[in-house]
Amino acid sequence: QVQLVESGGGLVQPGGSLRLSCAASGIVFSVYDIGWYRQAPGKQRELVAAIIVGGTANSANSVKGRFTISRDNAKNTVYLQMDSLKPEDTAVYYCRAWKLVGSYWGQGTQVTVSS
């Protein structure tokens, strides 16, 4: 059974930091591309950052320079380091693992940026 379990969300003040983790089981993690998505209330889910099998990473313009995605294949885990958080970063954050044959989603972790 494939599972992606996100953790690390919470309430943080503007300008603060959080590190999200996504632990995978039931898949050969190292052969999957991984992405972090987010969905704010009333908005569509959007891709925040992604890291492919070879380690190349990219992020959305809205978070570039503030968020960093990384992966540890030995731990079957992907991370999203979020710095200089803004209220507009408030959303449920999801991780997704995909390759040509299909994809898997986690259940999400809430991030709230508020004073």
C-alpha atoms as a PDB file:
ATOM      1  CA  GLN A   1       0.000   0.000   0.000  1.00  0.00           C
ATOM      2  CA  VAL A   2       1.395   3.336  -1.064  1.00  0.00           C
ATOM      3  CA  GLN A   3       1.364   6.132   1.481  1.00  0.00           C
ATOM      4  CA  LEU A   4       2.599   9.700   1.390  1.00  0.00           C
ATOM      5  CA  VAL A   5       2.398  11.356   4.796  1.00  0.00           C
ATOM      6  CA  GLU A   6       2.988  15.078   5.175  1.00  0.00           C
ATOM      7  CA  SER A   7       4.007  16.705   8.454  1.00  0.00           C
ATOM      8  CA  GLY A   8       5.408  19.969   9.765  1.00  0.00           C
ATOM      9  CA  GLY A   9       2.517  22.320   9.126  1.00  0.00           C
ATOM     10  CA  GLY A  10       1.161  24.727  11.686  1.00  0.00           C
ATOM     11  CA  LEU A  11       0.581  28.341  12.614  1.00  0.00           C
ATOM     12  CA  VAL A  12       3.429  30.781  12.062  1.00  0.00           C
ATOM     13  CA  GLN A  13       3.757  34.554  12.081  1.00  0.00           C
ATOM     14  CA  PRO A  14       4.551  36.484   8.909  1.00  0.00           C
ATOM     15  CA  GLY A  15       8.272  36.368   8.232  1.00  0.00           C
ATOM     16  CA  GLY A  16       8.631  33.048  10.007  1.00  0.00           C
ATOM     17  CA  SER A  17       9.750  29.646   8.752  1.00  0.00           C
ATOM     18  CA  LEU A  18       8.446  26.111   8.588  1.00  0.00           C
ATOM     19  CA  ARG A  19       9.853  22.889   7.195  1.00  0.00           C
ATOM     20  CA  LEU A  20       7.410  20.410   5.734  1.00  0.00           C
ATOM     21  CA  SER A  21       8.248  16.747   5.336  1.00  0.00           C
ATOM     22  CA  CYS A  22       6.655  14.097   3.148  1.00  0.00           C
ATOM     23  CA  ALA A  23       7.514  10.512   4.004  1.00  0.00           C
ATOM     24  CA  ALA A  24       6.771   7.873   1.391  1.00  0.00           C
ATOM     25  CA  SER A  25       6.226   4.142   1.774  1.00  0.00           C
ATOM     26  CA  GLY A  26       5.166   1.387  -0.587  1.00  0.00           C
ATOM     27  CA  ILE A  27       7.006   2.813  -3.596  1.00  0.00           C
ATOM     28  CA  VAL A  28      10.568   2.905  -4.882  1.00  0.00           C
ATOM     29  CA  PHE A  29      10.872   6.543  -3.888  1.00  0.00           C
ATOM     30  CA  SER A  30      14.077   7.234  -5.799  1.00  0.00           C
ATOM     31  CA  VAL A  31      12.460   6.685  -9.225  1.00  0.00           C
ATOM     32  CA  TYR A  32       9.608   9.141  -8.681  1.00  0.00           C
ATOM     33  CA  ASP A  33       9.511  12.832  -9.361  1.00  0.00           C
ATOM     34  CA  ILE A  34       8.096  14.669  -6.343  1.00  0.00           C
ATOM     35  CA  GLY A  35       6.202  17.899  -5.999  1.00  0.00           C
ATOM     36  CA  TRP A  36       4.687  20.087  -3.328  1.00  0.00           C
ATOM     37  CA  TYR A  37       1.313  21.614  -4.124  1.00  0.00           C
ATOM     38  CA  ARG A  38      -0.939  23.890  -2.147  1.00  0.00           C
ATOM     39  CA  GLN A  39      -4.597  24.791  -2.139  1.00  0.00           C
ATOM     40  CA  ALA A  40      -5.991  27.857  -0.450  1.00  0.00           C
ATOM     41  CA  PRO A  41      -9.715  28.186   0.323  1.00  0.00           C
ATOM     42  CA  GLY A  42     -11.679  28.944  -2.830  1.00  0.00           C
ATOM     43  CA  LYS A  43      -8.649  28.530  -5.073  1.00  0.00           C
ATOM     44  CA  GLN A  44      -7.334  25.819  -7.347  1.00  0.00           C
ATOM     45  CA  ARG A  45      -4.522  23.564  -6.271  1.00  0.00           C
ATOM     46  CA  GLU A  46      -1.208  24.875  -7.557  1.00  0.00           C
ATOM     47  CA  LEU A  47       2.278  23.474  -7.921  1.00  0.00           C
ATOM     48  CA  VAL A  48       4.684  25.160  -5.511  1.00  0.00           C
ATOM     49  CA  ALA A  49       7.926  23.297  -6.127  1.00  0.00           C
ATOM     50  CA  ALA A  50       9.131  20.081  -7.713  1.00  0.00           C
ATOM     51  CA  ILE A  51      12.244  17.953  -7.704  1.00  0.00           C
ATOM     52  CA  ILE A  52      12.871  15.297 -10.300  1.00  0.00           C
ATOM     53  CA  VAL A  53      14.691  11.996 -10.063  1.00  0.00           C
ATOM     54  CA  GLY A  54      18.040  13.487 -11.040  1.00  0.00           C
ATOM     55  CA  GLY A  55      17.743  16.128  -8.325  1.00  0.00           C
ATOM     56  CA  THR A  56      16.941  19.144 -10.454  1.00  0.00           C
ATOM     57  CA  ALA A  57      14.504  21.385  -8.616  1.00  0.00           C
ATOM     58  CA  ASN A  58      12.267  24.235  -9.587  1.00  0.00           C
ATOM     59  CA  SER A  59       9.717  26.410  -7.859  1.00  0.00           C
ATOM     60  CA  ALA A  60       6.851  28.737  -8.677  1.00  0.00           C
ATOM     61  CA  ASN A  61       7.632  32.414  -9.138  1.00  0.00           C
ATOM     62  CA  SER A  62       5.485  33.261  -6.121  1.00  0.00           C
ATOM     63  CA  VAL A  63       7.812  31.345  -3.781  1.00  0.00           C
ATOM     64  CA  LYS A  64      11.129  31.551  -5.600  1.00  0.00           C
ATOM     65  CA  GLY A  65      13.896  32.627  -3.259  1.00  0.00           C
ATOM     66  CA  ARG A  66      11.785  31.785  -0.196  1.00  0.00           C
ATOM     67  CA  PHE A  67      10.958  28.078  -0.518  1.00  0.00           C
ATOM     68  CA  THR A  68      13.447  25.267  -1.122  1.00  0.00           C
ATOM     69  CA  ILE A  69      12.570  21.702  -2.042  1.00  0.00           C
ATOM     70  CA  SER A  70      14.959  18.836  -1.339  1.00  0.00           C
ATOM     71  CA  ARG A  71      14.865  15.071  -1.161  1.00  0.00           C
ATOM     72  CA  ASP A  72      16.596  12.338   0.812  1.00  0.00           C
ATOM     73  CA  ASN A  73      16.184   9.085  -1.100  1.00  0.00           C
ATOM     74  CA  ALA A  74      17.760   7.091   1.708  1.00  0.00           C
ATOM     75  CA  LYS A  75      14.949   8.241   4.002  1.00  0.00           C
ATOM     76  CA  ASN A  76      12.207   8.160   1.335  1.00  0.00           C
ATOM     77  CA  THR A  77      11.443  11.745   2.280  1.00  0.00           C
ATOM     78  CA  VAL A  78      11.058  15.064   0.511  1.00  0.00           C
ATOM     79  CA  TYR A  79      11.232  18.393   2.303  1.00  0.00           C
ATOM     80  CA  LEU A  80       9.946  21.894   1.698  1.00  0.00           C
ATOM     81  CA  GLN A  81      11.825  24.580   3.601  1.00  0.00           C
ATOM     82  CA  MET A  82       9.646  27.674   3.729  1.00  0.00           C
ATOM     83  CA  ASP A  83      11.181  30.967   4.815  1.00  0.00           C
ATOM     84  CA  SER A  84       9.906  34.549   4.880  1.00  0.00           C
ATOM     85  CA  LEU A  85       6.358  33.260   5.011  1.00  0.00           C
ATOM     86  CA  LYS A  86       3.523  35.558   4.011  1.00  0.00           C
ATOM     87  CA  PRO A  87      -0.186  35.450   4.825  1.00  0.00           C
ATOM     88  CA  GLU A  88      -0.860  34.524   1.189  1.00  0.00           C
ATOM     89  CA  ASP A  89       1.108  31.305   1.734  1.00  0.00           C
ATOM     90  CA  THR A  90      -1.730  30.057   3.924  1.00  0.00           C
ATOM     91  CA  ALA A  91      -3.049  26.834   2.407  1.00  0.00           C
ATOM     92  CA  VAL A  92      -3.180  23.090   2.731  1.00  0.00           C
ATOM     93  CA  TYR A  93       0.097  21.718   1.391  1.00  0.00           C
ATOM     94  CA  TYR A  94       0.192  18.372  -0.385  1.00  0.00           C
ATOM     95  CA  CYS A  95       2.998  16.241  -1.719  1.00  0.00           C
ATOM     96  CA  ARG A  96       2.671  14.204  -4.870  1.00  0.00           C
ATOM     97  CA  ALA A  97       4.858  11.471  -6.316  1.00  0.00           C
ATOM     98  CA  TRP A  98       4.542  10.728 -10.014  1.00  0.00           C
ATOM     99  CA  LYS A  99       5.998   8.941 -12.972  1.00  0.00           C
ATOM    100  CA  LEU A 100       4.585   7.887 -16.333  1.00  0.00           C
ATOM    101  CA  VAL A 101       2.485   5.023 -14.947  1.00  0.00           C
ATOM    102  CA  GLY A 102       0.676   7.117 -12.378  1.00  0.00           C
ATOM    103  CA  SER A 103       0.847   9.329  -9.336  1.00  0.00           C
ATOM    104  CA  TYR A 104       0.110   9.368  -5.620  1.00  0.00           C
ATOM    105  CA  TRP A 105      -1.015  12.142  -3.297  1.00  0.00           C
ATOM    106  CA  GLY A 106      -0.662  12.700   0.403  1.00  0.00           C
ATOM    107  CA  GLN A 107      -3.543  13.912   2.556  1.00  0.00           C
ATOM    108  CA  GLY A 108      -2.082  17.347   3.181  1.00  0.00           C
ATOM    109  CA  THR A 109      -0.897  19.496   6.059  1.00  0.00           C
ATOM    110  CA  GLN A 110      -2.298  22.897   6.979  1.00  0.00           C
ATOM    111  CA  VAL A 111      -0.028  25.928   6.959  1.00  0.00           C
ATOM    112  CA  THR A 112      -1.432  29.139   8.396  1.00  0.00           C
ATOM    113  CA  VAL A 113       0.531  32.385   8.310  1.00  0.00           C
ATOM    114  CA  SER A 114      -1.035  34.962  10.586  1.00  0.00           C
ATOM    115  CA  SER A 115      -0.154  37.410  13.310  1.00  0.00           C
END
